[in-house]
Structure formats: C-alpha cells, structure tokens
C-alpha cells in the first residue's frame, strides 16, 4: 500500500487519485470496520502518499494495491461510511 486513494472504473483502470498525508491516511483507515482497520494500520504505518510521484505507479498500481476481488472482502471494504476522498488529480 502506498497511501494513494484511487478511484477505479468498472474496467479496473484508475480514473482519479489523491495522494494522502499520514494524517489523511489515519482518517481514512478510521472509516473502515475493525478487522480491516487493524490490517490497514499495520500496512500503512510510516507511509506518506505524497511521496508517490511516479505517474506509472499512480495510474497503474501493482496487484498488491488493487482493490480486493473476493466477494466477502469487497463487500466489507465497500462499507466505508459514505466517505469520498476529495480529488486533487484527474487521471489522463
């Protein structure tokens, strides 16, 4: 995980993103259920999304960053309390 909030289209392509500060990462992690929070906290400790400058990484993240594909984990991940990250970049 790299601290970048990405919005993916149905085709799996990034259509927008926002690089998150450590404070914003903590805020976003707090929106998820407890089981996901503990996993995210461990994986995101010390991460600053603003360090990600490579356009290839921003628009074409590796498989470890892509959203989960299993139905149960996907459903749990979608239960974020109506949070929408403000967008600061549009994918080109």
C-alpha atoms as a PDB file:
ATOM      1  CA  UNK A   1       0.000   0.000   0.000  1.00  0.00           C
ATOM      2  CA  UNK A   2       1.328   3.384  -0.942  1.00  0.00           C
ATOM      3  CA  UNK A   3      -1.012   5.939   0.662  1.00  0.00           C
ATOM      4  CA  UNK A   4      -2.784   6.925  -2.543  1.00  0.00           C
ATOM      5  CA  UNK A   5      -6.590   6.934  -2.648  1.00  0.00           C
ATOM      6  CA  UNK A   6      -7.547   5.731  -6.115  1.00  0.00           C
ATOM      7  CA  UNK A   7     -10.912   5.547  -7.792  1.00  0.00           C
ATOM      8  CA  UNK A   8     -11.230   2.669 -10.233  1.00  0.00           C
ATOM      9  CA  UNK A   9     -13.675   2.322 -13.083  1.00  0.00           C
ATOM     10  CA  UNK A  10     -15.543  -0.883 -13.846  1.00  0.00           C
ATOM     11  CA  UNK A  11     -12.758  -1.693 -16.293  1.00  0.00           C
ATOM     12  CA  UNK A  12     -10.238  -1.670 -13.427  1.00  0.00           C
ATOM     13  CA  UNK A  13      -8.481   1.482 -14.643  1.00  0.00           C
ATOM     14  CA  UNK A  14      -7.700   4.410 -12.340  1.00  0.00           C
ATOM     15  CA  UNK A  15      -9.796   7.420 -13.286  1.00  0.00           C
ATOM     16  CA  UNK A  16      -8.747   9.693 -10.412  1.00  0.00           C
ATOM     17  CA  UNK A  17      -6.453   9.660  -7.404  1.00  0.00           C
ATOM     18  CA  UNK A  18      -5.363  11.659  -4.388  1.00  0.00           C
ATOM     19  CA  UNK A  19      -2.057  11.314  -2.580  1.00  0.00           C
ATOM     20  CA  UNK A  20      -2.715  11.241   1.169  1.00  0.00           C
ATOM     21  CA  UNK A  21      -0.677  12.664   4.025  1.00  0.00           C
ATOM     22  CA  UNK A  22      -0.108  10.428   7.081  1.00  0.00           C
ATOM     23  CA  UNK A  23      -2.906  12.309   8.880  1.00  0.00           C
ATOM     24  CA  UNK A  24      -5.327  11.745   5.989  1.00  0.00           C
ATOM     25  CA  UNK A  25      -4.350   8.060   5.857  1.00  0.00           C
ATOM     26  CA  UNK A  26      -5.260   7.692   9.554  1.00  0.00           C
ATOM     27  CA  UNK A  27      -8.586   9.412   8.923  1.00  0.00           C
ATOM     28  CA  UNK A  28      -9.434   7.113   6.016  1.00  0.00           C
ATOM     29  CA  UNK A  29      -8.362   3.972   7.923  1.00  0.00           C
ATOM     30  CA  UNK A  30     -10.723   5.013  10.733  1.00  0.00           C
ATOM     31  CA  UNK A  31     -13.673   4.785   8.362  1.00  0.00           C
ATOM     32  CA  UNK A  32     -13.384   1.016   7.900  1.00  0.00           C
ATOM     33  CA  UNK A  33     -14.578  -1.769  10.155  1.00  0.00           C
ATOM     34  CA  UNK A  34     -12.272  -3.024  12.921  1.00  0.00           C
ATOM     35  CA  UNK A  35     -10.981  -6.098  11.088  1.00  0.00           C
ATOM     36  CA  UNK A  36      -9.848  -4.044   8.105  1.00  0.00           C
ATOM     37  CA  UNK A  37      -8.555  -1.206  10.300  1.00  0.00           C
ATOM     38  CA  UNK A  38      -6.025  -3.433  12.044  1.00  0.00           C
ATOM     39  CA  UNK A  39      -4.715  -4.788   8.731  1.00  0.00           C
ATOM     40  CA  UNK A  40      -4.515  -1.327   7.183  1.00  0.00           C
ATOM     41  CA  UNK A  41      -2.799   0.251  10.189  1.00  0.00           C
ATOM     42  CA  UNK A  42      -0.018  -2.337  10.050  1.00  0.00           C
ATOM     43  CA  UNK A  43       0.479  -1.961   6.300  1.00  0.00           C
ATOM     44  CA  UNK A  44       0.322   1.841   6.255  1.00  0.00           C
ATOM     45  CA  UNK A  45       2.472   2.724   9.259  1.00  0.00           C
ATOM     46  CA  UNK A  46       5.059   5.314   8.182  1.00  0.00           C
ATOM     47  CA  UNK A  47       3.540   5.683   4.684  1.00  0.00           C
ATOM     48  CA  UNK A  48       3.125   9.118   3.098  1.00  0.00           C
ATOM     49  CA  UNK A  49       1.231   9.021  -0.178  1.00  0.00           C
ATOM     50  CA  UNK A  50       2.645  12.393  -1.148  1.00  0.00           C
ATOM     51  CA  UNK A  51       5.944  10.606  -1.755  1.00  0.00           C
ATOM     52  CA  UNK A  52       4.429   8.800  -4.746  1.00  0.00           C
ATOM     53  CA  UNK A  53       5.372  10.921  -7.751  1.00  0.00           C
ATOM     54  CA  UNK A  54       5.708   8.296 -10.486  1.00  0.00           C
ATOM     55  CA  UNK A  55       2.740   8.624 -12.857  1.00  0.00           C
ATOM     56  CA  UNK A  56       3.005   4.947 -13.816  1.00  0.00           C
ATOM     57  CA  UNK A  57       2.585   3.903 -10.164  1.00  0.00           C
ATOM     58  CA  UNK A  58      -0.260   6.383  -9.660  1.00  0.00           C
ATOM     59  CA  UNK A  59      -2.260   5.249 -12.686  1.00  0.00           C
ATOM     60  CA  UNK A  60      -1.193   1.592 -12.930  1.00  0.00           C
ATOM     61  CA  UNK A  61      -0.635   0.293  -9.390  1.00  0.00           C
ATOM     62  CA  UNK A  62       0.689  -3.204  -8.825  1.00  0.00           C
ATOM     63  CA  UNK A  63      -1.553  -6.128  -7.959  1.00  0.00           C
ATOM     64  CA  UNK A  64      -0.844  -5.685  -4.218  1.00  0.00           C
ATOM     65  CA  UNK A  65      -2.529  -2.263  -4.352  1.00  0.00           C
ATOM     66  CA  UNK A  66      -5.549  -3.147  -6.478  1.00  0.00           C
ATOM     67  CA  UNK A  67      -8.939  -3.441  -4.719  1.00  0.00           C
ATOM     68  CA  UNK A  68      -9.856  -6.885  -3.378  1.00  0.00           C
ATOM     69  CA  UNK A  69     -11.640  -9.189  -5.769  1.00  0.00           C
ATOM     70  CA  UNK A  70     -13.258 -11.673  -3.382  1.00  0.00           C
ATOM     71  CA  UNK A  71     -16.932 -11.008  -2.754  1.00  0.00           C
ATOM     72  CA  UNK A  72     -16.788 -11.059   1.051  1.00  0.00           C
ATOM     73  CA  UNK A  73     -13.748  -8.788   1.386  1.00  0.00           C
ATOM     74  CA  UNK A  74     -15.065  -6.497  -1.349  1.00  0.00           C
ATOM     75  CA  UNK A  75     -18.381  -6.116   0.475  1.00  0.00           C
ATOM     76  CA  UNK A  76     -16.616  -5.338   3.752  1.00  0.00           C
ATOM     77  CA  UNK A  77     -14.361  -2.782   2.046  1.00  0.00           C
ATOM     78  CA  UNK A  78     -17.340  -1.035   0.478  1.00  0.00           C
ATOM     79  CA  UNK A  79     -18.892  -0.430   3.887  1.00  0.00           C
ATOM     80  CA  UNK A  80     -16.979   2.803   4.308  1.00  0.00           C
ATOM     81  CA  UNK A  81     -19.243   5.353   5.960  1.00  0.00           C
ATOM     82  CA  UNK A  82     -20.144   7.354   2.826  1.00  0.00           C
ATOM     83  CA  UNK A  83     -16.591   8.669   2.500  1.00  0.00           C
ATOM     84  CA  UNK A  84     -15.429  10.250  -0.718  1.00  0.00           C
ATOM     85  CA  UNK A  85     -11.843  11.418  -0.848  1.00  0.00           C
ATOM     86  CA  UNK A  86     -11.510  14.897  -2.306  1.00  0.00           C
ATOM     87  CA  UNK A  87      -9.915  14.622  -5.709  1.00  0.00           C
ATOM     88  CA  UNK A  88      -6.817  16.602  -6.487  1.00  0.00           C
ATOM     89  CA  UNK A  89      -5.781  14.897  -9.703  1.00  0.00           C
ATOM     90  CA  UNK A  90      -7.614  13.509 -12.688  1.00  0.00           C
ATOM     91  CA  UNK A  91      -6.134  10.549 -14.491  1.00  0.00           C
ATOM     92  CA  UNK A  92      -5.189  11.355 -18.037  1.00  0.00           C
END
